[in-house]
């Protein structure tokens, strides 16, 4: 049952959300059959658009990547009526040209996770959704256009390899990801994206590059360095987010909206 008619969902961190981001904010605690979402959901209005915000890692960043309850997060947003989700992520770069401080708007992913609940269809009903083109093409184009208009260093394509975490890669792993033609590496895209598709929700990722993983130099990645760079990147991510929200369509004509139509045998 839809609790309220919210158009847009944002899943991100405390750095992206600020108290003045939304007007008329309500805080909702939503229970789901899959347990509790990562945080209470802040619901408000941004320039006439109804928006719901979830802190992926909890209010105080206390939930590690492999423990994020993406089933609960996506189900809760679907219950609120959300039809479009913007996932904000921090990533490492596997390509020289994707520099720390840049934004990547990925168009593909490789799933290297191991322990996560990846579907709402565990049986007896089984859905085989198509993920050939995993991100919403319409939202993706809009996000790229916004980044271009704002003059932000960005990349319109990229393959995101999602690893289990919470540890960072070994040098051997980092070089394997490069041979797999991955462009960026992170820990949170999957199954968030695939679960959204099962709910017929459009999804894109705005991925902020914080480091070069560990393939490029003898310098290892550290959480401290990642956080410092992410804080700097947040300004541009918020600029993209604010412009993108007001440009998202009120009516959808993409394949995401009918993702389940041919998924059942």
Foldseek 3Di string as FASTA:
>chain_A
DAPAAAAEEEEEAPLQDDPPQFPPWDWAFDADPQGGAQETWIWGDFPRHIYIYDHQCHNVNPRFLLRHSLLNVLVRCVSNNYQAYEYEAEWAFLDPVQDALEKEWAFAEAEAEDRHDQEPDPDPFDFAFDCPGQAWPVLLVLLVVQCVVVVGHYHSYFYEYAYADPDADDLVVSVVCVVVVGTIYYHHVPPNSVHCLVSLHGYIYTYGHQYNRCNPDPDHDDPVSSVVSVSVSSVSVSSSVSVSSVVDDPDDDTCSNCRRVPTGD
